[in-house]
Protein backbone atom coordinates (compact mmCIF):
# COMPACT_ATOMS: atom_id res chain seq x y z
CA UNK A 1 -22.78 53.67 -213.26
CA UNK A 2 -24.13 56.05 -216.40
CA UNK A 3 -27.79 56.37 -214.51
CA UNK A 4 -25.57 57.22 -211.36
CA UNK A 5 -23.55 59.85 -213.35
CA UNK A 6 -26.71 60.82 -215.10
CA UNK A 7 -28.74 61.61 -212.13
CA UNK A 8 -25.60 63.53 -210.69
CA UNK A 9 -25.30 65.60 -213.42
CA UNK A 10 -28.83 66.91 -213.88
CA UNK A 11 -28.97 67.35 -210.36
CA UNK A 12 -25.83 69.80 -210.41
CA UNK A 13 -27.43 71.28 -213.40
CA UNK A 14 -30.18 72.38 -211.79
CA UNK A 15 -28.04 73.58 -208.70
CA UNK A 16 -25.81 75.75 -211.04
CA UNK A 17 -28.93 77.17 -213.10
CA UNK A 18 -30.81 78.19 -210.02
CA UNK A 19 -27.63 79.83 -208.95
CA UNK A 20 -27.19 81.43 -212.25
CA UNK A 21 -30.20 82.78 -212.29
CA UNK A 22 -30.46 84.08 -208.76
CA UNK A 23 -26.87 85.90 -209.48
CA UNK A 24 -27.85 86.96 -212.50
CA UNK A 25 -30.83 88.73 -211.37
CA UNK A 26 -30.37 92.88 -211.93
CA UNK A 27 -32.59 95.35 -210.40
CA UNK A 28 -33.81 97.95 -212.84
CA UNK A 29 -34.53 100.69 -210.49
CA UNK A 30 -37.53 100.59 -208.69
CA UNK A 31 -38.44 97.61 -210.51
CA UNK A 32 -37.55 94.16 -211.27
CA UNK A 33 -36.18 93.43 -214.94
CA UNK A 34 -37.12 89.54 -215.82
CA UNK A 35 -34.61 87.30 -216.80
CA UNK A 36 -37.41 86.77 -220.04
CA UNK A 37 -37.48 90.92 -220.71
CA UNK A 38 -33.42 90.93 -220.06
CA UNK A 39 -33.33 87.90 -222.97
CA UNK A 40 -35.83 90.20 -225.11
CA UNK A 41 -33.42 92.76 -224.98
CA UNK A 42 -30.14 90.79 -225.73
CA UNK A 43 -32.13 89.38 -228.74
CA UNK A 44 -33.05 93.50 -229.86
CA UNK A 45 -29.61 94.41 -229.66
CA UNK A 46 -28.19 91.79 -231.69
CA UNK A 47 -30.86 91.83 -234.03
CA UNK A 48 -31.81 95.52 -234.76
CA UNK A 49 -35.12 95.84 -235.90
CA UNK A 50 -35.99 92.69 -234.90
CA UNK A 51 -39.62 92.14 -236.00
CA UNK A 52 -42.64 91.05 -233.44
CA UNK A 53 -42.77 87.76 -235.19
CA UNK A 54 -38.58 87.52 -235.06
CA UNK A 55 -39.03 87.65 -231.30
CA UNK A 56 -42.34 85.42 -231.14
CA UNK A 57 -39.80 82.69 -232.86
CA UNK A 58 -36.79 83.06 -230.74
CA UNK A 59 -38.93 82.73 -227.35
CA UNK A 60 -41.24 80.00 -228.83
CA UNK A 61 -44.39 82.07 -227.91
CA UNK A 62 -47.28 83.55 -229.66
CA UNK A 63 -47.67 87.09 -231.10
CA UNK A 64 -50.18 88.26 -228.18
CA UNK A 65 -47.52 87.06 -225.56
CA UNK A 66 -44.33 88.78 -227.55
CA UNK A 67 -46.62 91.92 -227.97
CA UNK A 68 -47.25 91.81 -223.98
CA UNK A 69 -43.38 91.65 -223.47
CA UNK A 70 -42.71 94.47 -226.03
CA UNK A 71 -45.18 96.56 -224.33
CA UNK A 72 -43.51 96.14 -221.24
CA UNK A 73 -40.49 97.37 -222.19
CA UNK A 74 -41.81 100.37 -224.34
CA UNK A 75 -43.20 100.93 -220.57
CA UNK A 76 -40.20 101.36 -219.17
CA UNK A 77 -38.68 103.54 -221.81
CA UNK A 78 -36.47 100.57 -222.88
CA UNK A 79 -37.47 99.64 -226.99
CA UNK A 80 -39.36 101.69 -229.04
CA UNK A 81 -41.84 100.70 -232.38
CA UNK A 82 -40.59 101.96 -235.40
CA UNK A 83 -42.52 101.45 -238.53
CA UNK A 84 -40.12 100.16 -241.75
CA UNK A 85 -39.79 103.16 -244.27
CA UNK A 86 -40.34 100.83 -247.22
CA UNK A 87 -43.18 98.57 -245.79
CA UNK A 88 -45.37 100.35 -243.45
CA UNK A 89 -46.49 97.01 -242.60
CA UNK A 90 -43.91 95.76 -241.05
CA UNK A 91 -43.04 97.41 -237.54
CA UNK A 92 -39.47 97.29 -236.26
CA UNK A 93 -38.51 97.14 -232.16
CA UNK A 94 -35.06 98.90 -231.46
CA UNK A 95 -33.86 99.69 -228.23
CA UNK A 96 -33.36 103.46 -226.58
CA UNK A 97 -30.98 104.65 -225.14
CA UNK A 98 -32.30 104.04 -221.87
CA UNK A 99 -32.79 100.35 -223.12
CA UNK A 100 -28.71 100.45 -224.27
CA UNK A 101 -27.62 101.77 -221.32
CA UNK A 102 -29.88 99.46 -219.15
CA UNK A 103 -28.22 96.72 -220.84
CA UNK A 104 -24.76 97.54 -220.66
CA UNK A 105 -25.06 97.91 -216.91
CA UNK A 106 -27.07 94.38 -216.72
CA UNK A 107 -24.02 92.95 -219.00
CA UNK A 108 -21.52 94.30 -216.71
CA UNK A 109 -22.70 92.90 -213.63
CA UNK A 110 -23.36 89.67 -215.52
CA UNK A 111 -20.18 89.48 -216.90
CA UNK A 112 -18.65 90.44 -212.82
CA UNK A 113 -20.73 87.51 -211.50
CA UNK A 114 -19.87 85.05 -213.81
CA UNK A 115 -15.95 85.59 -213.72
CA UNK A 116 -16.93 85.35 -209.78
CA UNK A 117 -18.45 81.83 -210.34
CA UNK A 118 -15.62 80.97 -212.69
CA UNK A 119 -12.83 82.58 -211.05
CA UNK A 120 -12.42 78.57 -209.08
CA UNK A 121 -11.19 77.25 -212.51
CA UNK A 122 -8.33 77.49 -214.73
CA UNK A 123 -8.40 78.98 -218.01
CA UNK A 124 -7.98 75.69 -219.54
CA UNK A 125 -10.98 74.18 -217.56
CA UNK A 126 -12.86 77.22 -218.50
CA UNK A 127 -11.94 75.98 -222.26
CA UNK A 128 -12.93 72.56 -221.67
CA UNK A 129 -16.39 73.68 -220.10
CA UNK A 130 -17.03 75.83 -222.86
CA UNK A 131 -16.11 73.35 -225.51
CA UNK A 132 -18.49 70.87 -223.65
CA UNK A 133 -21.23 72.80 -223.54
CA UNK A 134 -21.03 74.09 -227.03
CA UNK A 135 -20.68 70.22 -228.17
CA UNK A 136 -24.09 69.55 -225.87
CA UNK A 137 -25.53 72.40 -227.21
CA UNK A 138 -25.05 71.67 -230.94
CA UNK A 139 -26.10 67.75 -230.41
CA UNK A 140 -29.21 68.40 -228.90
CA UNK A 141 -29.93 71.24 -231.61
CA UNK A 142 -29.54 69.08 -234.21
CA UNK A 143 -31.91 66.11 -232.79
C-alpha cells in the first residue's frame, strides 16, 4: 500500500507543481519574466545588497550563469550593480524602483492566484498543509 500511496502523492505533487507554475507566470510588459528571474528578484529583495556569489549559492549555479541572469534583469531595468563603498572589489545587487514595482505587482498576482487555488480548503486544512510542507522541507534539508 505504501508504494501505491507514494506513487499517488508523487503524481499529485507533479500535477500541483505544473498548475502552480502555470498560474504563477507573470507577464513583464512586452517580454516574459521567467520563474528563475522572478525568484532572483525575490532573493535580491530579501537579501538587499546580495553579492553575485550569494545569488549563485542560492540557485546552485556557476558565477557566469548568475552573471547572465543578473545582466538580463539589469537590461530590463529591474536591478542595478552597486560598488561597495568600503571594498571596491565587492559588487552588490539591488532592485531598482522599476524592479520593486514589478515585484510588488507580481506578488499581488501570486497572492490572488494562491488565494483562488486554496479557496477550496478550510483554514484548518491550510494550516495542516503548511505544517506538512514545513515538516517535509525541514526533514529533506537536514539529510
